[in-house]
N, C-alpha and C. Protein backbone atom coordinates (compact mmCIF):
# COMPACT_ATOMS: atom_id res chain seq x y z
N MET A 1 114.56 54.04 87.46
CA MET A 1 113.24 54.79 87.93
C MET A 1 112.81 53.87 88.51
N ILE A 2 112.04 52.98 89.54
CA ILE A 2 111.96 52.63 90.27
C ILE A 2 112.83 52.07 92.28
N ALA A 3 114.28 51.74 90.77
CA ALA A 3 115.18 51.36 92.02
C ALA A 3 115.92 52.39 92.58
N LYS A 4 115.44 53.74 91.75
CA LYS A 4 115.88 54.56 93.33
C LYS A 4 115.28 55.31 94.77
N TYR A 5 114.22 53.95 94.52
CA TYR A 5 113.61 54.90 95.48
C TYR A 5 113.32 52.52 95.98
N ILE A 6 113.49 51.58 95.71
CA ILE A 6 113.81 50.68 97.17
C ILE A 6 114.52 51.23 97.85
N LEU A 7 116.08 51.14 97.09
CA LEU A 7 116.69 51.13 98.09
C LEU A 7 116.94 52.11 99.54
N PRO A 8 116.74 52.82 99.41
CA PRO A 8 115.96 54.33 100.91
C PRO A 8 115.01 53.65 101.46
N HIS A 9 113.81 53.11 100.52
CA HIS A 9 113.16 52.61 101.86
C HIS A 9 113.50 51.16 102.07
N LEU A 10 114.09 50.02 101.57
CA LEU A 10 114.55 49.62 102.66
C LEU A 10 115.36 49.87 103.55
N ILE A 11 116.62 50.87 103.67
CA ILE A 11 117.06 50.75 104.63
C ILE A 11 116.18 51.62 105.80
N GLY A 12 115.18 52.00 105.06
CA GLY A 12 114.45 52.94 106.58
C GLY A 12 113.74 52.05 107.21
N LEU A 13 113.33 50.96 106.32
CA LEU A 13 112.97 49.65 106.86
C LEU A 13 113.48 48.80 107.94
N VAL A 14 114.54 48.83 107.46
CA VAL A 14 115.30 48.18 108.30
C VAL A 14 116.05 49.30 109.83
N CYS A 15 115.97 49.69 109.38
CA CYS A 15 116.30 51.39 110.33
C CYS A 15 115.06 51.04 111.96
N ILE A 16 113.71 51.30 111.03
CA ILE A 16 112.09 50.92 111.88
C ILE A 16 112.13 49.39 111.93
N VAL A 17 112.98 48.78 111.84
CA VAL A 17 112.20 47.18 112.50
C VAL A 17 113.68 47.43 113.77
N SER A 18 114.85 47.89 113.10
CA SER A 18 116.10 47.53 114.28
C SER A 18 115.00 48.67 115.24
N GLY A 19 115.12 49.33 115.48
CA GLY A 19 114.70 50.16 116.59
C GLY A 19 113.59 49.41 117.06
N TRP A 20 112.43 49.25 117.08
CA TRP A 20 111.64 48.63 117.56
C TRP A 20 112.21 47.53 117.56
N TYR A 21 113.28 46.60 117.50
CA TYR A 21 113.98 45.35 118.79
C TYR A 21 114.59 45.72 119.66
N VAL A 22 114.83 46.94 119.34
CA VAL A 22 116.05 47.78 120.48
C VAL A 22 115.09 47.83 121.44
N ALA A 23 113.50 48.92 121.05
CA ALA A 23 113.45 48.85 121.94
C ALA A 23 112.04 48.38 123.00
N ILE A 24 111.39 47.21 121.68
CA ILE A 24 110.61 46.88 122.41
C ILE A 24 111.04 44.98 123.34
N ILE A 25 111.23 44.76 121.84
CA ILE A 25 111.42 43.22 121.71
C ILE A 25 112.88 43.48 123.40
N ASN A 26 114.05 44.17 123.52
CA ASN A 26 115.41 44.29 123.99
C ASN A 26 115.05 44.22 125.16
N VAL A 27 114.42 45.96 125.68
CA VAL A 27 114.00 46.32 126.62
C VAL A 27 113.41 45.11 127.46
N GLY A 28 111.79 45.50 126.67
CA GLY A 28 110.16 44.33 127.42
C GLY A 28 110.79 43.10 127.84
N LEU A 29 111.66 42.17 127.36
CA LEU A 29 111.49 41.08 126.87
C LEU A 29 112.85 40.31 127.73
N PHE A 30 113.51 41.13 128.37
CA PHE A 30 115.77 40.79 128.40
C PHE A 30 115.94 41.72 129.59
N LYS A 31 115.31 41.89 130.35
CA LYS A 31 115.77 43.07 131.18
C LYS A 31 115.07 42.70 132.29
N PHE A 32 114.79 41.67 132.96
CA PHE A 32 113.71 40.80 133.57
C PHE A 32 114.60 41.05 135.25
N ASN A 33 115.60 41.54 135.06
CA ASN A 33 116.56 41.82 136.09
C ASN A 33 116.53 42.88 137.12
N GLN A 34 116.71 44.09 135.71
CA GLN A 34 116.89 45.17 136.01
C GLN A 34 115.36 46.13 136.80
N GLU A 35 115.66 47.17 136.96
CA GLU A 35 114.49 48.09 137.28
C GLU A 35 113.50 48.63 136.27
N ARG A 36 112.50 48.66 136.16
CA ARG A 36 111.46 48.70 134.51
C ARG A 36 111.43 49.82 134.96
N SER A 37 112.46 50.39 133.76
CA SER A 37 111.74 51.76 133.58
C SER A 37 111.65 52.13 132.26
N LEU A 38 110.72 53.54 131.66
CA LEU A 38 110.45 53.73 129.98
C LEU A 38 111.74 54.44 130.06
N HIS A 39 112.26 55.07 131.09
CA HIS A 39 113.13 55.73 129.76
C HIS A 39 114.88 55.08 130.36
N THR A 40 115.34 53.93 129.09
CA THR A 40 116.39 53.48 129.04
C THR A 40 118.02 54.33 127.97
N LYS A 41 119.22 54.43 127.92
CA LYS A 41 119.37 54.43 126.77
C LYS A 41 119.42 53.40 125.77
N GLU A 42 118.55 52.55 125.39
CA GLU A 42 117.92 51.42 124.75
C GLU A 42 116.39 52.08 124.04
N THR A 43 115.98 52.24 124.65
CA THR A 43 114.84 52.89 124.68
C THR A 43 114.83 54.29 124.06
N LEU A 44 115.87 54.79 123.59
CA LEU A 44 116.09 55.99 123.26
C LEU A 44 116.85 55.60 122.25
N ALA A 45 117.39 54.99 122.30
CA ALA A 45 118.04 54.52 120.55
C ALA A 45 117.49 53.94 120.11
N GLY A 46 116.07 53.61 119.99
CA GLY A 46 115.23 52.66 119.77
C GLY A 46 114.00 53.15 118.88
N LEU A 47 113.94 54.57 119.41
CA LEU A 47 112.97 55.87 119.51
C LEU A 47 114.55 56.46 118.03
N VAL A 48 115.05 56.77 118.35
CA VAL A 48 116.18 57.68 117.59
C VAL A 48 116.61 56.91 115.91
N LEU A 49 116.49 55.37 116.34
CA LEU A 49 117.00 54.89 114.80
C LEU A 49 115.43 54.38 114.38
N ILE A 50 113.92 54.39 114.95
CA ILE A 50 113.05 54.85 114.08
C ILE A 50 112.62 56.21 113.83
N ILE A 51 113.30 57.47 114.23
CA ILE A 51 113.38 58.04 113.77
C ILE A 51 113.49 57.86 112.62
N ILE A 52 114.62 58.01 112.41
CA ILE A 52 115.13 57.72 111.44
C ILE A 52 115.86 56.98 110.47
N GLY A 53 114.55 56.00 110.43
CA GLY A 53 114.24 55.54 109.42
C GLY A 53 113.04 55.51 109.01
N ALA A 54 112.44 56.22 109.70
CA ALA A 54 111.10 57.07 109.00
C ALA A 54 111.21 58.09 108.48
N TYR A 55 111.47 58.99 108.44
CA TYR A 55 112.75 59.75 108.00
C TYR A 55 114.61 60.12 106.21
N ILE A 56 114.58 59.03 106.79
CA ILE A 56 115.56 58.69 106.02
C ILE A 56 116.08 58.57 104.24
N PRO A 57 114.13 58.20 104.07
CA PRO A 57 113.86 57.62 102.80
C PRO A 57 113.00 58.95 101.61
N HIS A 58 112.61 59.95 102.77
CA HIS A 58 112.30 60.93 101.96
C HIS A 58 113.70 62.01 101.71
N ILE A 59 114.45 62.42 102.75
CA ILE A 59 115.23 63.06 102.37
C ILE A 59 116.56 62.69 101.65
N TRP A 60 117.16 61.07 102.11
CA TRP A 60 117.45 60.21 99.97
C TRP A 60 116.71 60.68 98.64
N ILE A 61 115.41 60.74 98.44
CA ILE A 61 115.01 60.99 97.44
C ILE A 61 115.14 61.98 97.01
N GLY A 62 115.24 63.76 97.98
CA GLY A 62 114.64 64.53 97.96
C GLY A 62 115.83 65.07 97.45
N ILE A 63 116.80 64.54 98.09
CA ILE A 63 118.83 64.87 97.09
C ILE A 63 118.42 64.33 95.96
N GLY A 64 118.16 62.81 95.99
CA GLY A 64 118.73 62.34 94.53
C GLY A 64 117.92 63.65 93.52
N ASN A 65 116.94 63.45 94.00
CA ASN A 65 116.34 64.78 92.76
C ASN A 65 116.44 65.71 91.96
N MET A 66 117.12 66.33 93.87
CA MET A 66 117.98 67.84 93.33
C MET A 66 118.61 67.57 92.92
N PHE A 67 119.76 67.02 92.34
CA PHE A 67 121.17 66.84 91.94
C PHE A 67 120.63 66.27 90.69
N SER A 68 119.46 65.63 89.92
CA SER A 68 118.84 64.29 88.91
C SER A 68 118.75 66.32 88.61
N LYS A 69 117.54 67.07 88.93
CA LYS A 69 117.37 67.76 88.16
C LYS A 69 118.28 69.07 87.86
N LYS A 70 119.70 69.12 88.74
CA LYS A 70 120.24 70.21 87.90
C LYS A 70 121.37 69.62 87.07
N LYS A 71 121.40 68.10 86.72
CA LYS A 71 122.17 67.85 85.61
C LYS A 71 121.68 68.02 84.16
N ASP A 72 120.08 67.74 83.90
CA ASP A 72 119.56 67.98 82.80
C ASP A 72 119.31 68.99 82.00
C-alpha cells in the first residue's frame, strides 16, 4: 500500500530537484558570459519541471485509486 505512494513522490522529487538545478544552478552559475536575463529557455524548462514534479504524484495516485476502485 505504501509502495504505490512512494514511487510517484520519488519521481516528483526528482523532477522538482532537476527543475531547480536547470533553473537556478545552470543559469545562475554557469552563464557568466551571456547577457543576464530571467526569461531564458532554461528557466522556462526548469519551471515546467518543477510544476510537473509538484502535480504528478497527486495525479498518478488519483488515477491509480480510480482504477483500483473499479476492480473491487
